[in-house]
Amino acid sequence: MKIGEFCAAVDSLNWNRRNLSGATRQEFVAMDVRARLERHIVIVMVTGLLPLVHARFADDLAHARSAIESAQATIVRWEGYRAEGQA
């Protein structure tokens, strides 16, 4: 995979996470956020072979790790909202 393709996968993950911000809380809870974001996380981690990206692309690696952490935090927030709604 070329670095441009790797960066495009990271951008897609970020776009999908940011796109959720326009939803109301009820809409957010109703979506399958985990499936939506995990698909992109896997693409960045596996298809992009995150650990194998050359060290000269350190900024791109940091950006990818940040995108993954933000997406995972969004999933945790979504799970918390869903748990509140079921209580």
PDB file of N, CA and C in Angstrom:
ATOM      1  N   MET A   1       0.855  -1.179   0.000  1.00  0.00           N
ATOM      2  CA  MET A   1       0.000   0.000   0.000  1.00  0.00           C
ATOM      3  C   MET A   1       0.895   1.233   0.000  1.00  0.00           C
ATOM      4  N   LYS A   2       0.541   2.186  -0.827  1.00  0.00           N
ATOM      5  CA  LYS A   2       1.280   3.446  -0.888  1.00  0.00           C
ATOM      6  C   LYS A   2       0.849   4.358   0.254  1.00  0.00           C
ATOM      7  N   ILE A   3       1.707   5.281   0.635  1.00  0.00           N
ATOM      8  CA  ILE A   3       1.407   6.175   1.754  1.00  0.00           C
ATOM      9  C   ILE A   3       0.157   7.002   1.474  1.00  0.00           C
ATOM     10  N   GLY A   4      -0.070   7.360   0.219  1.00  0.00           N
ATOM     11  CA  GLY A   4      -1.276   8.112  -0.132  1.00  0.00           C
ATOM     12  C   GLY A   4      -2.542   7.322   0.145  1.00  0.00           C
ATOM     13  N   GLU A   5      -2.502   6.018  -0.123  1.00  0.00           N
ATOM     14  CA  GLU A   5      -3.655   5.154   0.151  1.00  0.00           C
ATOM     15  C   GLU A   5      -3.861   5.008   1.660  1.00  0.00           C
ATOM     16  N   PHE A   6      -2.760   4.896   2.380  1.00  0.00           N
ATOM     17  CA  PHE A   6      -2.827   4.811   3.841  1.00  0.00           C
ATOM     18  C   PHE A   6      -3.453   6.081   4.411  1.00  0.00           C
ATOM     19  N   CYS A   7      -3.003   7.233   3.932  1.00  0.00           N
ATOM     20  CA  CYS A   7      -3.542   8.513   4.412  1.00  0.00           C
ATOM     21  C   CYS A   7      -5.014   8.659   4.041  1.00  0.00           C
ATOM     22  N   ALA A   8      -5.406   8.166   2.871  1.00  0.00           N
ATOM     23  CA  ALA A   8      -6.811   8.213   2.459  1.00  0.00           C
ATOM     24  C   ALA A   8      -7.671   7.360   3.391  1.00  0.00           C
ATOM     25  N   ALA A   9      -7.153   6.214   3.835  1.00  0.00           N
ATOM     26  CA  ALA A   9      -7.888   5.362   4.774  1.00  0.00           C
ATOM     27  C   ALA A   9      -8.061   6.067   6.121  1.00  0.00           C
ATOM     28  N   VAL A  10      -7.024   6.758   6.571  1.00  0.00           N
ATOM     29  CA  VAL A  10      -7.102   7.516   7.826  1.00  0.00           C
ATOM     30  C   VAL A  10      -8.116   8.656   7.684  1.00  0.00           C
ATOM     31  N   ASP A  11      -8.067   9.347   6.562  1.00  0.00           N
ATOM     32  CA  ASP A  11      -9.020  10.438   6.319  1.00  0.00           C
ATOM     33  C   ASP A  11     -10.455   9.917   6.291  1.00  0.00           C
ATOM     34  N   SER A  12     -10.662   8.746   5.723  1.00  0.00           N
ATOM     35  CA  SER A  12     -11.992   8.148   5.678  1.00  0.00           C
ATOM     36  C   SER A  12     -12.486   7.820   7.091  1.00  0.00           C
ATOM     37  N   LEU A  13     -11.598   7.300   7.929  1.00  0.00           N
ATOM     38  CA  LEU A  13     -11.954   7.026   9.325  1.00  0.00           C
ATOM     39  C   LEU A  13     -12.357   8.319  10.026  1.00  0.00           C
ATOM     40  N   ASN A  14     -11.542   9.354   9.876  1.00  0.00           N
ATOM     41  CA  ASN A  14     -11.858  10.635  10.510  1.00  0.00           C
ATOM     42  C   ASN A  14     -13.165  11.221   9.984  1.00  0.00           C
ATOM     43  N   TRP A  15     -13.392  11.133   8.679  1.00  0.00           N
ATOM     44  CA  TRP A  15     -14.622  11.674   8.099  1.00  0.00           C
ATOM     45  C   TRP A  15     -15.832  10.957   8.670  1.00  0.00           C
ATOM     46  N   ASN A  16     -15.777   9.637   8.751  1.00  0.00           N
ATOM     47  CA  ASN A  16     -16.909   8.880   9.278  1.00  0.00           C
ATOM     48  C   ASN A  16     -17.176   9.194  10.739  1.00  0.00           C
ATOM     49  N   ARG A  17     -16.115   9.404  11.523  1.00  0.00           N
ATOM     50  CA  ARG A  17     -16.306   9.765  12.930  1.00  0.00           C
ATOM     51  C   ARG A  17     -16.896  11.165  13.052  1.00  0.00           C
ATOM     52  N   ARG A  18     -16.349  12.125  12.309  1.00  0.00           N
ATOM     53  CA  ARG A  18     -16.857  13.501  12.378  1.00  0.00           C
ATOM     54  C   ARG A  18     -18.277  13.610  11.846  1.00  0.00           C
ATOM     55  N   ASN A  19     -18.627  12.784  10.889  1.00  0.00           N
ATOM     56  CA  ASN A  19     -19.963  12.819  10.315  1.00  0.00           C
ATOM     57  C   ASN A  19     -21.030  12.479  11.362  1.00  0.00           C
ATOM     58  N   LEU A  20     -20.657  11.753  12.386  1.00  0.00           N
ATOM     59  CA  LEU A  20     -21.590  11.399  13.450  1.00  0.00           C
ATOM     60  C   LEU A  20     -21.950  12.599  14.324  1.00  0.00           C
ATOM     61  N   SER A  21     -21.136  13.636  14.310  1.00  0.00           N
ATOM     62  CA  SER A  21     -21.335  14.767  15.214  1.00  0.00           C
ATOM     63  C   SER A  21     -22.589  15.568  14.898  1.00  0.00           C
ATOM     64  N   GLY A  22     -23.139  15.423  13.706  1.00  0.00           N
ATOM     65  CA  GLY A  22     -24.346  16.162  13.350  1.00  0.00           C
ATOM     66  C   GLY A  22     -25.625  15.505  13.830  1.00  0.00           C
ATOM     67  N   ALA A  23     -25.523  14.308  14.356  1.00  0.00           N
ATOM     68  CA  ALA A  23     -26.708  13.574  14.802  1.00  0.00           C
ATOM     69  C   ALA A  23     -27.133  14.018  16.196  1.00  0.00           C
ATOM     70  N   THR A  24     -28.436  13.951  16.443  1.00  0.00           N
ATOM     71  CA  THR A  24     -28.915  14.168  17.809  1.00  0.00           C
ATOM     72  C   THR A  24     -28.493  12.963  18.644  1.00  0.00           C
ATOM     73  N   ARG A  25     -28.628  13.087  19.948  1.00  0.00           N
ATOM     74  CA  ARG A  25     -28.248  11.961  20.806  1.00  0.00           C
ATOM     75  C   ARG A  25     -29.073  10.721  20.478  1.00  0.00           C
ATOM     76  N   GLN A  26     -30.364  10.902  20.227  1.00  0.00           N
ATOM     77  CA  GLN A  26     -31.232   9.771  19.900  1.00  0.00           C
ATOM     78  C   GLN A  26     -30.801   9.123  18.572  1.00  0.00           C
ATOM     79  N   GLU A  27     -30.466   9.938  17.592  1.00  0.00           N
ATOM     80  CA  GLU A  27     -30.004   9.408  16.307  1.00  0.00           C
ATOM     81  C   GLU A  27     -28.666   8.688  16.478  1.00  0.00           C
ATOM     82  N   PHE A  28     -27.789   9.272  17.268  1.00  0.00           N
ATOM     83  CA  PHE A  28     -26.479   8.688  17.526  1.00  0.00           C
ATOM     84  C   PHE A  28     -26.622   7.316  18.165  1.00  0.00           C
ATOM     85  N   VAL A  29     -27.500   7.212  19.165  1.00  0.00           N
ATOM     86  CA  VAL A  29     -27.711   5.949  19.869  1.00  0.00           C
ATOM     87  C   VAL A  29     -28.322   4.903  18.925  1.00  0.00           C
ATOM     88  N   ALA A  30     -29.192   5.348  18.022  1.00  0.00           N
ATOM     89  CA  ALA A  30     -29.875   4.422  17.117  1.00  0.00           C
ATOM     90  C   ALA A  30     -28.952   3.846  16.037  1.00  0.00           C
ATOM     91  N   MET A  31     -27.851   4.522  15.757  1.00  0.00           N
ATOM     92  CA  MET A  31     -26.921   4.049  14.731  1.00  0.00           C
ATOM     93  C   MET A  31     -26.064   2.905  15.258  1.00  0.00           C
ATOM     94  N   ASP A  32     -25.521   2.128  14.342  1.00  0.00           N
ATOM     95  CA  ASP A  32     -24.561   1.092  14.723  1.00  0.00           C
ATOM     96  C   ASP A  32     -23.161   1.685  14.568  1.00  0.00           C
ATOM     97  N   VAL A  33     -22.794   2.513  15.529  1.00  0.00           N
ATOM     98  CA  VAL A  33     -21.530   3.245  15.491  1.00  0.00           C
ATOM     99  C   VAL A  33     -20.344   2.288  15.498  1.00  0.00           C
ATOM    100  N   ARG A  34     -20.438   1.239  16.284  1.00  0.00           N
ATOM    101  CA  ARG A  34     -19.338   0.276  16.370  1.00  0.00           C
ATOM    102  C   ARG A  34     -19.037  -0.305  14.985  1.00  0.00           C
ATOM    103  N   ALA A  35     -20.034  -0.809  14.298  1.00  0.00           N
ATOM    104  CA  ALA A  35     -19.813  -1.417  12.974  1.00  0.00           C
ATOM    105  C   ALA A  35     -19.285  -0.389  11.982  1.00  0.00           C
ATOM    106  N   ARG A  36     -19.832   0.804  12.048  1.00  0.00           N
ATOM    107  CA  ARG A  36     -19.432   1.855  11.109  1.00  0.00           C
ATOM    108  C   ARG A  36     -17.963   2.232  11.272  1.00  0.00           C
ATOM    109  N   LEU A  37     -17.524   2.420  12.511  1.00  0.00           N
ATOM    110  CA  LEU A  37     -16.157   2.873  12.746  1.00  0.00           C
ATOM    111  C   LEU A  37     -15.135   1.737  12.768  1.00  0.00           C
ATOM    112  N   GLU A  38     -15.521   0.587  13.299  1.00  0.00           N
ATOM    113  CA  GLU A  38     -14.563  -0.513  13.378  1.00  0.00           C
ATOM    114  C   GLU A  38     -14.110  -0.964  11.996  1.00  0.00           C
ATOM    115  N   ARG A  39     -15.002  -0.887  11.025  1.00  0.00           N
ATOM    116  CA  ARG A  39     -14.634  -1.252   9.655  1.00  0.00           C
ATOM    117  C   ARG A  39     -13.460  -0.389   9.180  1.00  0.00           C
ATOM    118  N   HIS A  40     -13.527   0.898   9.483  1.00  0.00           N
ATOM    119  CA  HIS A  40     -12.467   1.817   9.065  1.00  0.00           C
ATOM    120  C   HIS A  40     -11.205   1.652   9.918  1.00  0.00           C
ATOM    121  N   ILE A  41     -11.384   1.351  11.192  1.00  0.00           N
ATOM    122  CA  ILE A  41     -10.235   1.094  12.064  1.00  0.00           C
ATOM    123  C   ILE A  41      -9.442  -0.100  11.533  1.00  0.00           C
ATOM    124  N   VAL A  42     -10.160  -1.154  11.161  1.00  0.00           N
ATOM    125  CA  VAL A  42      -9.500  -2.352  10.632  1.00  0.00           C
ATOM    126  C   VAL A  42      -8.749  -2.027   9.344  1.00  0.00           C
ATOM    127  N   ILE A  43      -9.351  -1.232   8.483  1.00  0.00           N
ATOM    128  CA  ILE A  43      -8.696  -0.862   7.228  1.00  0.00           C
ATOM    129  C   ILE A  43      -7.383  -0.133   7.523  1.00  0.00           C
ATOM    130  N   VAL A  44      -7.417   0.803   8.461  1.00  0.00           N
ATOM    131  CA  VAL A  44      -6.201   1.554   8.792  1.00  0.00           C
ATOM    132  C   VAL A  44      -5.157   0.641   9.438  1.00  0.00           C
ATOM    133  N   MET A  45      -5.591  -0.232  10.341  1.00  0.00           N
ATOM    134  CA  MET A  45      -4.636  -1.055  11.089  1.00  0.00           C
ATOM    135  C   MET A  45      -4.104  -2.233  10.277  1.00  0.00           C
ATOM    136  N   VAL A  46      -4.975  -2.907   9.538  1.00  0.00           N
ATOM    137  CA  VAL A  46      -4.572  -4.129   8.856  1.00  0.00           C
ATOM    138  C   VAL A  46      -4.153  -3.851   7.420  1.00  0.00           C
ATOM    139  N   THR A  47      -5.040  -3.240   6.667  1.00  0.00           N
ATOM    140  CA  THR A  47      -4.727  -2.974   5.271  1.00  0.00           C
ATOM    141  C   THR A  47      -3.555  -2.012   5.175  1.00  0.00           C
ATOM    142  N   GLY A  48      -3.522  -1.037   6.068  1.00  0.00           N
ATOM    143  CA  GLY A  48      -2.422  -0.086   6.076  1.00  0.00           C
ATOM    144  C   GLY A  48      -1.157  -0.626   6.723  1.00  0.00           C
ATOM    145  N   LEU A  49      -1.271  -1.804   7.339  1.00  0.00           N
ATOM    146  CA  LEU A  49      -0.124  -2.399   8.020  1.00  0.00           C
ATOM    147  C   LEU A  49       0.578  -1.349   8.876  1.00  0.00           C
ATOM    148  N   LEU A  50      -0.192  -0.755   9.755  1.00  0.00           N
ATOM    149  CA  LEU A  50       0.258   0.363  10.586  1.00  0.00           C
ATOM    150  C   LEU A  50       1.674   0.196  11.135  1.00  0.00           C
ATOM    151  N   PRO A  51       2.035  -0.944  11.685  1.00  0.00           N
ATOM    152  CA  PRO A  51       3.393  -1.052  12.231  1.00  0.00           C
ATOM    153  C   PRO A  51       4.487  -1.060  11.159  1.00  0.00           C
ATOM    154  N   LEU A  52       4.130  -1.309   9.901  1.00  0.00           N
ATOM    155  CA  LEU A  52       5.139  -1.426   8.851  1.00  0.00           C
ATOM    156  C   LEU A  52       5.346  -0.146   8.048  1.00  0.00           C
ATOM    157  N   VAL A  53       4.584   0.906   8.376  1.00  0.00           N
ATOM    158  CA  VAL A  53       4.769   2.170   7.671  1.00  0.00           C
ATOM    159  C   VAL A  53       6.147   2.713   8.043  1.00  0.00           C
ATOM    160  N   HIS A  54       6.877   3.136   7.054  1.00  0.00           N
ATOM    161  CA  HIS A  54       8.260   3.589   7.250  1.00  0.00           C
ATOM    162  C   HIS A  54       8.330   4.741   8.258  1.00  0.00           C
ATOM    163  N   ALA A  55       9.390   4.771   9.037  1.00  0.00           N
ATOM    164  CA  ALA A  55       9.567   5.775  10.091  1.00  0.00           C
ATOM    165  C   ALA A  55       9.594   7.206   9.562  1.00  0.00           C
ATOM    166  N   ARG A  56       9.936   7.393   8.298  1.00  0.00           N
ATOM    167  CA  ARG A  56       9.966   8.762   7.759  1.00  0.00           C
ATOM    168  C   ARG A  56       8.568   9.362   7.668  1.00  0.00           C
ATOM    169  N   PHE A  57       7.561   8.520   7.819  1.00  0.00           N
ATOM    170  CA  PHE A  57       6.183   8.997   7.808  1.00  0.00           C
ATOM    171  C   PHE A  57       5.634   9.078   9.232  1.00  0.00           C
ATOM    172  N   ALA A  58       6.473   9.503  10.159  1.00  0.00           N
ATOM    173  CA  ALA A  58       6.109   9.548  11.578  1.00  0.00           C
ATOM    174  C   ALA A  58       4.862  10.404  11.822  1.00  0.00           C
ATOM    175  N   ASP A  59       4.742  11.520  11.126  1.00  0.00           N
ATOM    176  CA  ASP A  59       3.559  12.377  11.302  1.00  0.00           C
ATOM    177  C   ASP A  59       2.298  11.657  10.845  1.00  0.00           C
ATOM    178  N   ASP A  60       2.393  10.913   9.746  1.00  0.00           N
ATOM    179  CA  ASP A  60       1.238  10.158   9.254  1.00  0.00           C
ATOM    180  C   ASP A  60       0.858   9.049  10.237  1.00  0.00           C
ATOM    181  N   LEU A  61       1.853   8.406  10.822  1.00  0.00           N
ATOM    182  CA  LEU A  61       1.589   7.372  11.830  1.00  0.00           C
ATOM    183  C   LEU A  61       0.914   7.963  13.058  1.00  0.00           C
ATOM    184  N   ALA A  62       1.404   9.108  13.511  1.00  0.00           N
ATOM    185  CA  ALA A  62       0.808   9.770  14.676  1.00  0.00           C
ATOM    186  C   ALA A  62      -0.634  10.169  14.372  1.00  0.00           C
ATOM    187  N   HIS A  63      -0.875  10.661  13.171  1.00  0.00           N
ATOM    188  CA  HIS A  63      -2.228  11.043  12.745  1.00  0.00           C
ATOM    189  C   HIS A  63      -3.138   9.818  12.734  1.00  0.00           C
ATOM    190  N   ALA A  64      -2.638   8.687  12.254  1.00  0.00           N
ATOM    191  CA  ALA A  64      -3.422   7.453  12.212  1.00  0.00           C
ATOM    192  C   ALA A  64      -3.741   6.965  13.615  1.00  0.00           C
ATOM    193  N   ARG A  65      -2.748   6.979  14.481  1.00  0.00           N
ATOM    194  CA  ARG A  65      -2.996   6.534  15.866  1.00  0.00           C
ATOM    195  C   ARG A  65      -4.011   7.430  16.564  1.00  0.00           C
ATOM    196  N   SER A  66      -3.917   8.724  16.331  1.00  0.00           N
ATOM    197  CA  SER A  66      -4.873   9.668  16.911  1.00  0.00           C
ATOM    198  C   SER A  66      -6.280   9.410  16.373  1.00  0.00           C
ATOM    199  N   ALA A  67      -6.384   9.145  15.091  1.00  0.00           N
ATOM    200  CA  ALA A  67      -7.691   8.865  14.479  1.00  0.00           C
ATOM    201  C   ALA A  67      -8.308   7.600  15.071  1.00  0.00           C
ATOM    202  N   ILE A  68      -7.481   6.575  15.271  1.00  0.00           N
ATOM    203  CA  ILE A  68      -7.969   5.321  15.855  1.00  0.00           C
ATOM    204  C   ILE A  68      -8.422   5.547  17.291  1.00  0.00           C
ATOM    205  N   GLU A  69      -7.635   6.278  18.075  1.00  0.00           N
ATOM    206  CA  GLU A  69      -8.006   6.563  19.467  1.00  0.00           C
ATOM    207  C   GLU A  69      -9.306   7.362  19.544  1.00  0.00           C
ATOM    208  N   SER A  70      -9.467   8.337  18.677  1.00  0.00           N
ATOM    209  CA  SER A  70     -10.693   9.142  18.673  1.00  0.00           C
ATOM    210  C   SER A  70     -11.902   8.299  18.292  1.00  0.00           C
ATOM    211  N   ALA A  71     -11.725   7.434  17.311  1.00  0.00           N
ATOM    212  CA  ALA A  71     -12.827   6.563  16.886  1.00  0.00           C
ATOM    213  C   ALA A  71     -13.201   5.592  18.010  1.00  0.00           C
ATOM    214  N   GLN A  72     -12.203   5.035  18.678  1.00  0.00           N
ATOM    215  CA  GLN A  72     -12.476   4.128  19.789  1.00  0.00           C
ATOM    216  C   GLN A  72     -13.176   4.852  20.939  1.00  0.00           C
ATOM    217  N   ALA A  73     -12.800   6.089  21.201  1.00  0.00           N
ATOM    218  CA  ALA A  73     -13.467   6.883  22.244  1.00  0.00           C
ATOM    219  C   ALA A  73     -14.919   7.149  21.857  1.00  0.00           C
ATOM    220  N   THR A  74     -15.174   7.365  20.577  1.00  0.00           N
ATOM    221  CA  THR A  74     -16.545   7.578  20.111  1.00  0.00           C
ATOM    222  C   THR A  74     -17.368   6.315  20.314  1.00  0.00           C
ATOM    223  N   ILE A  75     -16.785   5.161  20.047  1.00  0.00           N
ATOM    224  CA  ILE A  75     -17.484   3.892  20.262  1.00  0.00           C
ATOM    225  C   ILE A  75     -17.811   3.712  21.739  1.00  0.00           C
ATOM    226  N   VAL A  76     -16.866   4.019  22.611  1.00  0.00           N
ATOM    227  CA  VAL A  76     -17.096   3.895  24.061  1.00  0.00           C
ATOM    228  C   VAL A  76     -18.221   4.835  24.499  1.00  0.00           C
ATOM    229  N   ARG A  77     -18.214   6.060  23.970  1.00  0.00           N
ATOM    230  CA  ARG A  77     -19.284   7.017  24.310  1.00  0.00           C
ATOM    231  C   ARG A  77     -20.641   6.495  23.832  1.00  0.00           C
ATOM    232  N   TRP A  78     -20.684   5.960  22.624  1.00  0.00           N
ATOM    233  CA  TRP A  78     -21.918   5.404  22.065  1.00  0.00           C
ATOM    234  C   TRP A  78     -22.427   4.245  22.931  1.00  0.00           C
ATOM    235  N   GLU A  79     -21.504   3.365  23.341  1.00  0.00           N
ATOM    236  CA  GLU A  79     -21.902   2.238  24.189  1.00  0.00           C
ATOM    237  C   GLU A  79     -22.460   2.726  25.534  1.00  0.00           C
ATOM    238  N   GLY A  80     -21.861   3.779  26.075  1.00  0.00           N
ATOM    239  CA  GLY A  80     -22.357   4.354  27.330  1.00  0.00           C
ATOM    240  C   GLY A  80     -23.753   4.907  27.190  1.00  0.00           C
ATOM    241  N   TYR A  81     -24.006   5.622  26.106  1.00  0.00           N
ATOM    242  CA  TYR A  81     -25.353   6.158  25.859  1.00  0.00           C
ATOM    243  C   TYR A  81     -26.355   5.034  25.692  1.00  0.00           C
ATOM    244  N   ARG A  82     -25.963   3.987  24.991  1.00  0.00           N
ATOM    245  CA  ARG A  82     -26.888   2.866  24.779  1.00  0.00           C
ATOM    246  C   ARG A  82     -27.192   2.174  26.104  1.00  0.00           C
ATOM    247  N   ALA A  83     -26.177   2.040  26.968  1.00  0.00           N
ATOM    248  CA  ALA A  83     -26.374   1.399  28.270  1.00  0.00           C
ATOM    249  C   ALA A  83     -27.308   2.242  29.132  1.00  0.00           C
ATOM    250  N   GLU A  84     -27.182   3.558  29.065  1.00  0.00           N
ATOM    251  CA  GLU A  84     -28.074   4.447  29.817  1.00  0.00           C
ATOM    252  C   GLU A  84     -29.511   4.271  29.363  1.00  0.00           C
ATOM    253  N   GLY A  85     -29.714   4.126  28.071  1.00  0.00           N
ATOM    254  CA  GLY A  85     -31.057   3.982  27.517  1.00  0.00           C
ATOM    255  C   GLY A  85     -31.717   2.668  27.853  1.00  0.00           C
ATOM    256  N   GLN A  86     -30.926   1.639  28.149  1.00  0.00           N
ATOM    257  CA  GLN A  86     -31.472   0.328  28.463  1.00  0.00           C
ATOM    258  C   GLN A  86     -31.697   0.153  29.953  1.00  0.00           C
ATOM    259  N   ALA A  87     -31.176   1.064  30.749  1.00  0.00           N
ATOM    260  CA  ALA A  87     -31.308   0.956  32.208  1.00  0.00           C
ATOM    261  C   ALA A  87     -32.675   1.392  32.668  1.00  0.00           C
TER     262      ALA A  87
END
